[in-house]
């Protein structure tokens, strides 16, 4: 029931207790959910050199699994192996999810010529 990062075929890149350290999950949660990229980059969970990947879709009963391309899945795994922080095992993952209210407010501001 926790969010995962998966490939288009549904195979897991990251997200179950097999790929996540339980001690970190208990203290921080498996993933951070934040409303915009700018705020996310400043969050301590992102670390000093964050890897930014754009999901190409969502999957799962609650649409909580981020779907990434095979190339991005390989990049995520490689970056984790090369990282001293081992960001995946330490749950240093943030899903940026735009609020529908924020999008509505931006459209309204654009309509008023404020953007």
Protein backbone atom coordinates (compact mmCIF):
# COMPACT_ATOMS: atom_id res chain seq x y z
CA UNK A 1 0.00 0.00 0.00
CA UNK A 2 2.99 2.32 0.19
CA UNK A 3 4.08 4.30 -2.87
CA UNK A 4 6.67 2.82 -5.20
CA UNK A 5 8.68 3.73 -8.24
CA UNK A 6 7.94 1.25 -11.03
CA UNK A 7 8.69 0.67 -14.70
CA UNK A 8 5.95 0.73 -17.33
CA UNK A 9 5.63 -3.06 -17.06
CA UNK A 10 4.91 -2.66 -13.32
CA UNK A 11 8.23 -4.10 -12.12
CA UNK A 12 9.55 -2.36 -9.03
CA UNK A 13 12.49 0.00 -9.07
CA UNK A 14 12.07 1.01 -5.42
CA UNK A 15 9.51 1.02 -2.65
CA UNK A 16 8.88 -2.19 -0.74
CA UNK A 17 10.52 -3.28 2.47
CA UNK A 18 12.95 -5.33 0.33
CA UNK A 19 14.38 -2.13 -1.12
CA UNK A 20 13.83 0.29 1.77
CA UNK A 21 15.50 0.43 5.19
CA UNK A 22 12.86 -0.15 7.88
CA UNK A 23 14.48 2.10 10.52
CA UNK A 24 14.26 5.09 8.17
CA UNK A 25 10.72 4.22 7.11
CA UNK A 26 9.56 4.23 10.71
CA UNK A 27 11.02 7.65 11.45
CA UNK A 28 10.46 9.54 8.16
CA UNK A 29 7.88 7.63 6.14
CA UNK A 30 8.72 5.87 2.91
CA UNK A 31 8.37 8.98 0.71
CA UNK A 32 7.88 12.70 1.14
CA UNK A 33 4.93 14.33 -0.65
CA UNK A 34 5.49 18.00 -1.46
CA UNK A 35 3.52 20.50 -3.56
CA UNK A 36 6.21 21.97 -5.80
CA UNK A 37 9.72 21.38 -7.09
CA UNK A 38 11.18 24.63 -5.75
CA UNK A 39 10.17 23.80 -2.17
CA UNK A 40 11.22 20.17 -2.62
CA UNK A 41 14.77 21.11 -3.64
CA UNK A 42 15.19 22.99 -0.36
CA UNK A 43 13.84 20.14 1.77
CA UNK A 44 16.39 18.25 3.87
CA UNK A 45 15.16 14.96 2.43
CA UNK A 46 16.41 16.01 -1.04
CA UNK A 47 20.03 16.25 0.10
CA UNK A 48 22.75 18.37 -1.45
CA UNK A 49 22.67 16.88 -4.97
CA UNK A 50 19.15 15.67 -5.76
CA UNK A 51 18.39 13.47 -8.74
CA UNK A 52 15.27 14.76 -10.48
CA UNK A 53 13.23 12.31 -12.52
CA UNK A 54 9.86 13.08 -14.12
CA UNK A 55 7.36 10.26 -13.87
CA UNK A 56 5.69 9.29 -17.14
CA UNK A 57 2.56 8.07 -15.39
CA UNK A 58 1.03 6.58 -12.27
CA UNK A 59 -0.14 3.08 -11.37
CA UNK A 60 -1.77 1.26 -8.51
CA UNK A 61 -5.12 1.26 -6.75
CA UNK A 62 -4.51 4.71 -5.28
CA UNK A 63 -2.44 6.04 -8.21
CA UNK A 64 0.45 6.36 -5.76
CA UNK A 65 3.12 4.51 -7.76
CA UNK A 66 5.29 6.71 -9.98
CA UNK A 67 5.96 5.11 -13.37
CA UNK A 68 9.36 5.88 -14.91
CA UNK A 69 10.98 4.93 -18.21
CA UNK A 70 13.40 2.01 -18.30
CA UNK A 71 16.27 4.45 -18.91
CA UNK A 72 15.28 6.51 -15.85
CA UNK A 73 14.86 3.34 -13.78
CA UNK A 74 18.44 2.38 -14.64
CA UNK A 75 19.63 5.92 -13.87
CA UNK A 76 17.93 5.83 -10.44
CA UNK A 77 19.51 2.50 -9.55
CA UNK A 78 22.97 3.56 -10.78
CA UNK A 79 22.86 6.91 -8.97
CA UNK A 80 21.85 5.15 -5.75
CA UNK A 81 24.76 2.71 -6.02
CA UNK A 82 27.19 5.56 -6.64
CA UNK A 83 25.78 7.70 -3.82
CA UNK A 84 27.45 7.64 -0.42
CA UNK A 85 24.03 8.40 1.10
CA UNK A 86 22.29 5.41 -0.54
CA UNK A 87 19.26 7.65 -0.95
CA UNK A 88 16.82 4.87 -1.82
CA UNK A 89 17.51 2.75 1.25
CA UNK A 90 17.38 5.87 3.41
CA UNK A 91 14.00 6.97 2.01
CA UNK A 92 15.41 10.20 0.63
CA UNK A 93 12.70 10.24 -2.01
CA UNK A 94 10.21 13.02 -2.66
CA UNK A 95 7.18 12.86 -4.92
CA UNK A 96 6.25 16.34 -6.14
CA UNK A 97 2.52 16.44 -6.67
CA UNK A 98 0.97 19.66 -7.89
CA UNK A 99 -2.10 20.61 -5.94
CA UNK A 100 -5.19 21.03 -8.13
CA UNK A 101 -5.85 24.25 -6.19
CA UNK A 102 -2.40 25.56 -7.06
CA UNK A 103 -2.98 24.79 -10.75
CA UNK A 104 -6.38 26.52 -10.65
CA UNK A 105 -4.86 29.57 -8.97
CA UNK A 106 -2.09 29.71 -11.60
CA UNK A 107 -4.64 29.50 -14.45
CA UNK A 108 -6.67 32.28 -12.84
CA UNK A 109 -3.57 34.46 -12.45
CA UNK A 110 -2.63 33.80 -16.09
CA UNK A 111 -6.15 34.75 -17.20
CA UNK A 112 -5.80 38.02 -15.31
CA UNK A 113 -2.43 38.63 -17.02
CA UNK A 114 -0.45 38.31 -13.80
CA UNK A 115 1.91 35.60 -15.06
